[in-house]
Protein backbone atom coordinates (compact mmCIF):
# COMPACT_ATOMS: atom_id res chain seq x y z
CA MET A 1 64.65 -0.24 -31.42
CA ALA A 2 65.13 -1.13 -35.07
CA ALA A 3 61.38 -0.97 -35.69
CA GLN A 4 61.21 2.47 -34.02
CA SER A 5 64.10 3.80 -36.13
CA GLU A 6 62.41 2.55 -39.27
CA ILE A 7 59.21 4.32 -38.37
CA ARG A 8 60.98 7.61 -37.69
CA LEU A 9 62.61 7.55 -41.11
CA ARG A 10 59.25 7.47 -42.78
CA ASN A 11 56.59 10.14 -42.84
CA GLY A 12 54.52 11.33 -39.87
CA ASN A 13 51.52 9.15 -40.72
CA LEU A 14 53.35 5.94 -39.86
CA VAL A 15 54.42 7.30 -36.44
CA LYS A 16 50.83 8.23 -35.72
CA THR A 17 49.72 4.75 -36.76
CA ALA A 18 52.24 3.11 -34.40
CA GLN A 19 51.12 5.32 -31.49
CA ASN A 20 47.48 4.48 -32.18
CA SER A 21 48.20 0.76 -32.19
CA ARG A 22 50.05 1.14 -28.86
CA TRP A 23 47.08 2.90 -27.30
CA LYS A 24 44.74 0.25 -28.68
CA SER A 25 46.94 -2.41 -27.07
CA VAL A 26 46.82 -0.55 -23.72
CA LEU A 27 43.03 -0.14 -23.91
CA HIS A 28 42.66 -3.81 -24.86
CA GLY A 29 44.74 -4.79 -21.80
CA LEU A 30 42.63 -2.54 -19.53
CA ARG A 31 39.41 -4.01 -20.92
CA ARG A 32 40.67 -7.58 -20.64
CA ASP A 33 41.95 -7.27 -17.02
CA LYS A 34 39.35 -4.77 -15.80
CA PHE A 35 38.53 -6.81 -12.69
CA LEU A 36 42.18 -6.99 -11.68
CA TYR A 37 42.49 -3.21 -12.04
CA LEU A 38 39.31 -2.77 -9.98
CA LEU A 39 40.91 -4.97 -7.33
CA ILE A 40 43.97 -2.70 -6.98
CA ALA A 41 41.94 0.53 -7.28
CA PRO A 42 41.37 0.97 -3.49
CA GLY A 43 45.09 0.59 -2.81
CA VAL A 44 46.00 3.06 -5.55
CA LEU A 45 43.43 5.57 -4.26
CA PHE A 46 44.74 5.16 -0.70
CA PHE A 47 48.29 6.00 -1.76
CA LEU A 48 47.16 8.89 -3.96
CA ILE A 49 45.00 10.50 -1.26
CA PHE A 50 46.99 9.83 1.88
CA LYS A 51 50.58 9.54 0.60
CA TYR A 52 51.05 11.60 -2.57
CA VAL A 53 48.61 14.49 -2.11
CA PRO A 54 50.01 15.43 1.35
CA MET A 55 53.51 15.57 -0.19
CA TRP A 56 52.53 18.94 -1.61
CA GLY A 57 52.83 20.29 1.96
CA ILE A 58 56.63 19.91 1.97
CA VAL A 59 56.86 23.25 0.15
CA ILE A 60 56.47 25.00 3.51
CA ALA A 61 59.97 23.72 4.37
CA PHE A 62 61.20 26.42 1.96
CA GLN A 63 58.87 29.13 3.29
CA ASP A 64 58.42 31.12 6.46
CA TYR A 65 54.98 29.60 6.75
CA SER A 66 52.19 31.38 8.58
CA PRO A 67 48.78 29.70 9.06
CA TYR A 68 47.15 33.13 8.68
CA MET A 69 48.77 33.79 5.28
CA GLY A 70 48.55 30.24 3.95
CA VAL A 71 50.89 28.35 1.65
CA MET A 72 50.28 30.62 -1.35
CA GLU A 73 51.11 33.90 0.40
CA SER A 74 53.78 32.88 2.92
CA PRO A 75 57.23 34.29 2.01
CA TRP A 76 59.83 32.00 0.45
CA VAL A 77 63.12 31.65 2.37
CA GLY A 78 64.92 28.97 0.33
CA PHE A 79 67.17 26.67 2.37
CA GLU A 80 67.26 28.93 5.44
CA HIS A 81 65.57 26.36 7.73
CA PHE A 82 67.93 23.58 6.57
CA ALA A 83 70.98 25.78 7.23
CA ARG A 84 69.63 26.65 10.67
CA PHE A 85 69.01 22.97 11.45
CA PHE A 86 72.47 21.75 10.35
CA SER A 87 74.22 24.54 12.27
CA ASN A 88 72.18 23.82 15.41
CA GLN A 89 74.13 22.04 18.16
CA ASP A 90 71.11 19.74 18.66
CA PHE A 91 71.60 18.22 15.19
CA PHE A 92 74.54 15.97 16.16
CA LEU A 93 72.80 14.87 19.36
CA LEU A 94 69.62 13.96 17.46
CA PHE A 95 71.57 12.25 14.68
CA ARG A 96 73.63 10.22 17.18
CA ASN A 97 70.59 9.06 19.15
CA THR A 98 68.54 8.22 16.06
CA MET A 99 71.32 6.29 14.35
CA ALA A 100 72.26 4.41 17.54
CA ILE A 101 68.68 3.20 18.07
CA SER A 102 68.26 2.33 14.37
CA LEU A 103 71.54 0.42 14.16
CA LEU A 104 70.72 -1.57 17.31
CA ASN A 105 67.37 -2.46 15.74
CA LEU A 106 69.12 -3.51 12.51
CA ILE A 107 71.66 -5.66 14.36
CA PHE A 108 69.39 -7.30 16.95
CA PHE A 109 65.79 -6.90 15.78
CA PHE A 110 66.05 -7.48 12.03
CA PRO A 111 67.55 -11.03 12.20
CA LEU A 112 65.16 -12.11 14.97
CA PRO A 113 62.08 -12.82 12.73
CA ILE A 114 64.34 -14.83 10.38
CA VAL A 115 65.63 -17.01 13.22
CA LEU A 116 62.13 -17.34 14.67
CA SER A 117 60.76 -18.38 11.25
CA LEU A 118 63.44 -21.05 10.87
CA LEU A 119 62.61 -22.42 14.32
CA LEU A 120 58.86 -22.40 13.64
CA ASN A 121 59.46 -24.16 10.33
CA GLU A 122 61.17 -27.00 12.18
CA LEU A 123 58.09 -27.72 14.32
CA ARG A 124 56.32 -30.82 13.03
CA SER A 125 53.14 -30.57 15.11
CA GLU A 126 50.80 -28.16 13.26
CA VAL A 127 48.67 -27.58 16.37
CA TYR A 128 51.69 -26.71 18.50
CA LYS A 129 53.06 -24.53 15.68
CA LYS A 130 49.81 -22.53 15.44
CA TRP A 131 49.74 -22.02 19.20
CA ILE A 132 53.31 -20.69 19.17
CA GLN A 133 52.54 -18.42 16.20
CA SER A 134 49.46 -16.98 17.93
CA ILE A 135 51.48 -16.25 21.06
CA VAL A 136 54.31 -14.50 19.21
CA TYR A 137 51.86 -12.51 17.02
CA LEU A 138 49.90 -11.21 20.02
CA PRO A 139 52.28 -8.37 21.14
CA HIS A 140 51.95 -6.72 17.70
CA PHE A 141 48.34 -5.82 18.52
CA LEU A 142 49.25 -4.07 21.77
CA SER A 143 49.69 -0.30 21.63
CA TRP A 144 52.90 1.34 22.77
CA VAL A 145 50.97 2.80 25.70
CA ILE A 146 50.23 -0.70 27.01
CA ILE A 147 53.79 -1.88 26.38
CA ALA A 148 55.20 1.15 28.19
CA GLY A 149 52.84 0.41 31.09
CA ILE A 150 54.00 -3.23 31.23
CA THR A 151 57.62 -2.04 31.16
CA PHE A 152 57.04 0.34 34.10
CA LEU A 153 55.22 -2.41 35.98
CA LEU A 154 58.17 -4.75 35.52
CA LEU A 155 61.17 -2.42 35.77
CA SER A 156 60.14 0.51 37.97
CA GLN A 157 62.73 1.14 40.67
CA SER A 158 60.13 1.69 43.43
CA LYS A 159 57.45 -0.94 42.73
CA GLY A 160 58.72 -2.92 39.74
CA ILE A 161 58.42 -6.71 39.94
CA VAL A 162 62.01 -7.26 38.84
CA ASN A 163 63.45 -4.90 41.47
CA GLN A 164 61.27 -6.45 44.17
CA ALA A 165 62.61 -9.87 43.17
CA LEU A 166 66.20 -8.53 43.30
CA VAL A 167 65.62 -7.12 46.80
CA SER A 168 64.08 -10.38 48.02
CA LEU A 169 67.20 -12.21 46.75
CA GLY A 170 69.48 -9.80 48.60
CA TYR A 171 70.59 -7.68 45.63
CA PRO A 172 70.29 -3.87 45.45
CA LYS A 173 67.71 -2.21 43.23
CA TYR A 174 68.72 -1.31 39.68
CA ASP A 175 67.59 1.81 37.82
CA PHE A 176 66.48 0.25 34.54
CA LEU A 177 64.34 3.20 33.41
CA THR A 178 66.50 6.14 34.47
CA ASN A 179 69.92 4.90 33.40
CA GLU A 180 71.23 6.40 30.14
CA ASN A 181 73.34 3.30 29.48
CA ASN A 182 70.25 1.07 29.31
CA PHE A 183 67.88 3.23 27.30
CA TRP A 184 68.81 2.30 23.71
CA MET A 185 68.91 -1.43 24.45
CA LEU A 186 65.64 -1.18 26.38
CA LEU A 187 63.94 0.25 23.26
CA THR A 188 65.46 -2.51 21.12
CA ILE A 189 64.18 -5.24 23.46
CA GLN A 190 60.69 -3.70 23.51
CA ASN A 191 60.62 -3.45 19.71
CA SER A 192 61.89 -7.03 19.30
CA TRP A 193 59.26 -8.43 21.66
CA LYS A 194 56.44 -6.48 20.02
CA GLU A 195 57.23 -6.99 16.32
CA ALA A 196 59.46 -10.07 15.92
CA GLY A 197 56.53 -12.50 15.81
CA TRP A 198 54.60 -10.39 13.32
CA GLY A 199 57.70 -10.12 11.15
CA THR A 200 57.79 -13.92 10.73
CA ILE A 201 54.69 -13.89 8.51
CA ILE A 202 56.57 -12.87 5.36
CA PHE A 203 59.49 -15.23 6.03
CA LEU A 204 57.20 -18.20 6.79
CA ALA A 205 55.35 -17.51 3.52
CA ALA A 206 58.69 -17.46 1.68
CA ILE A 207 59.80 -20.69 3.38
CA ALA A 208 56.51 -22.38 2.39
CA GLY A 209 57.44 -21.77 -1.25
CA VAL A 210 60.77 -23.63 -1.05
CA ASP A 211 60.83 -26.71 -3.31
CA PRO A 212 60.54 -29.86 -1.08
CA GLN A 213 62.79 -31.74 -3.50
CA LEU A 214 65.70 -29.57 -2.33
CA TYR A 215 65.22 -30.87 1.22
CA GLU A 216 64.96 -34.45 -0.06
CA ALA A 217 68.20 -34.04 -1.98
CA ALA A 218 69.88 -32.57 1.12
CA LYS A 219 68.67 -35.52 3.20
CA MET A 220 70.08 -37.94 0.62
CA ASP A 221 73.43 -36.21 1.05
CA GLY A 222 73.21 -36.71 4.81
CA ALA A 223 72.49 -33.09 5.76
CA SER A 224 71.21 -32.55 9.29
CA ARG A 225 68.23 -30.29 10.05
CA LEU A 226 70.62 -27.45 10.86
CA ARG A 227 72.51 -27.88 7.59
CA GLN A 228 69.24 -28.05 5.64
CA ALA A 229 68.23 -24.73 7.16
CA TRP A 230 71.63 -23.21 6.38
CA HIS A 231 72.16 -24.60 2.86
CA VAL A 232 68.56 -24.84 1.59
CA THR A 233 66.14 -22.60 3.48
CA LEU A 234 68.29 -19.50 3.95
CA PRO A 235 69.52 -19.34 0.31
CA ALA A 236 65.92 -19.88 -0.88
CA ILE A 237 64.60 -16.87 1.07
CA ARG A 238 67.70 -14.71 0.53
CA SER A 239 65.98 -12.42 -1.99
CA VAL A 240 63.14 -11.76 0.49
CA ILE A 241 65.66 -10.94 3.22
CA VAL A 242 67.48 -8.52 0.90
CA VAL A 243 64.26 -6.75 -0.13
CA LEU A 244 63.10 -6.33 3.47
CA PHE A 245 66.55 -5.10 4.49
CA ILE A 246 66.50 -2.46 1.74
CA LEU A 247 63.03 -1.33 2.80
CA ARG A 248 64.21 -1.23 6.41
CA LEU A 249 67.06 1.10 5.41
CA GLY A 250 64.45 3.50 4.07
CA HIS A 251 63.14 3.92 7.61
CA ILE A 252 66.52 4.15 9.30
CA MET A 253 65.76 7.70 10.48
CA ASP A 254 62.35 6.66 11.84
CA VAL A 255 62.72 5.10 15.25
CA GLY A 256 59.09 5.49 16.30
CA PHE A 257 57.73 8.59 18.01
CA GLU A 258 55.27 6.86 20.36
CA GLN A 259 57.76 4.41 21.84
CA VAL A 260 60.49 6.97 22.47
CA PHE A 261 58.09 9.65 23.72
CA LEU A 262 56.44 7.30 26.22
CA MET A 263 59.73 5.91 27.54
CA MET A 264 61.51 9.28 27.71
CA ASN A 265 62.08 10.96 31.08
CA GLY A 266 64.28 13.76 32.35
CA ALA A 267 67.11 11.43 33.40
CA VAL A 268 67.53 9.94 29.90
CA SER A 269 66.57 12.91 27.71
CA ASN A 270 70.18 13.28 26.54
CA VAL A 271 70.05 9.87 24.83
CA ALA A 272 66.31 9.74 24.13
CA ASP A 273 65.76 12.88 22.07
CA VAL A 274 65.42 11.85 18.41
CA PHE A 275 64.21 13.57 15.24
CA GLU A 276 60.56 12.60 15.82
CA THR A 277 60.41 14.03 19.35
CA TYR A 278 62.30 17.13 18.16
CA VAL A 279 59.80 17.69 15.34
CA TYR A 280 56.89 17.24 17.76
CA ARG A 281 58.39 19.69 20.24
CA LEU A 282 59.16 22.41 17.69
CA GLY A 283 56.37 21.81 15.19
CA ILE A 284 53.37 21.08 17.42
CA GLN A 285 54.25 22.64 20.76
CA GLN A 286 56.14 25.71 19.54
CA GLY A 287 54.39 26.21 16.18
CA GLN A 288 57.58 26.23 14.06
CA PHE A 289 55.89 24.46 11.15
CA SER A 290 58.41 25.28 8.43
CA PHE A 291 61.44 24.35 10.52
CA SER A 292 59.95 21.03 11.65
CA THR A 293 58.93 20.25 8.05
CA ALA A 294 62.52 20.87 6.96
CA VAL A 295 63.70 18.36 9.59
CA GLY A 296 61.14 15.82 8.37
CA LEU A 297 62.19 16.37 4.74
CA PHE A 298 65.84 15.79 5.70
CA LYS A 299 64.86 12.44 7.25
CA SER A 300 62.95 11.41 4.13
CA ALA A 301 65.82 12.43 1.85
CA VAL A 302 68.29 10.30 3.84
CA GLY A 303 65.93 7.29 3.70
CA PHE A 304 65.39 7.77 -0.06
CA ILE A 305 69.14 7.94 -0.76
CA LEU A 306 69.79 4.83 1.34
CA VAL A 307 67.07 2.84 -0.46
CA ILE A 308 68.38 3.85 -3.92
CA GLY A 309 72.00 3.11 -2.93
CA ALA A 310 71.19 -0.23 -1.27
CA ASN A 311 69.03 -1.29 -4.22
CA LYS A 312 71.84 -0.57 -6.69
CA LEU A 313 74.35 -2.40 -4.51
CA ALA A 314 72.01 -5.42 -4.21
CA LYS A 315 71.67 -5.57 -8.01
CA LYS A 316 75.43 -5.40 -8.45
CA LEU A 317 75.73 -8.35 -6.06
CA GLY A 318 73.30 -10.37 -8.19
CA GLU A 319 70.11 -9.85 -6.18
CA GLU A 320 66.80 -8.73 -7.65
CA GLY A 321 66.41 -5.66 -5.41
CA VAL A 322 63.18 -3.78 -4.78
CA TYR A 323 62.60 -2.67 -8.40
């Protein structure tokens, strides 16, 4: 700062000289690390083309958009769609369902990959460990259509394997798929089974980076395997857990359209309708593009605020945060 102040007190030529030297330094860095920049170029292009350019479309949330008139000629209506959405009686129902499913995922699904990683880390046989990892990774590659089909095959009230087993044991059939009380937990169990194994990849990579001398020191102090995991492994991967938790908060309003849409039926529609299905119904089926875009923008704004707030809180608590 002192050097900058000194430059500003002098004439304009010195400022220009400092700027030129800064640009030369930037160009020198680009030339020196050109292969590294080429390596990240596909990723940067992907985000520019598929993430940032489409963001321009959110302007129709403030218009009464017509496909025949286009974005440039559609009339502007300000926050009319947002006001209509917040005053709609469906808003509280959608908000309740979305938050309930997201919170259940945070409570039950988020810790599961951490626990699974700790258990996998304790396996001493590498062959056995790789077999277990392959088995738990496998559900991630199944589509939600297949998982919904497996769920119906297992839990259907008429021909489901579980209900047939209950009947053969003398118990009455249970309506797993058409009971409102089960729906949110059913989605959480499906999500945990599908993604918990895949989620261990990051945590296992973080655990692999823990200094082995810490474990040796813990053993010298007489720590059991459980205490080593609690006092060495978990504190070592704490920053990774915090970062992933912050990123997870950014998607708290996204509960997954495919899963909910495939599992939804008339009996559970009161607890199954979430923002994604609402946007699909109004935006795609009824052609209310501006209104559905306003709903989507509201979801993104909530996720953005949560990420910023959680990141600041993490930094105040001594963590590194996302940025």
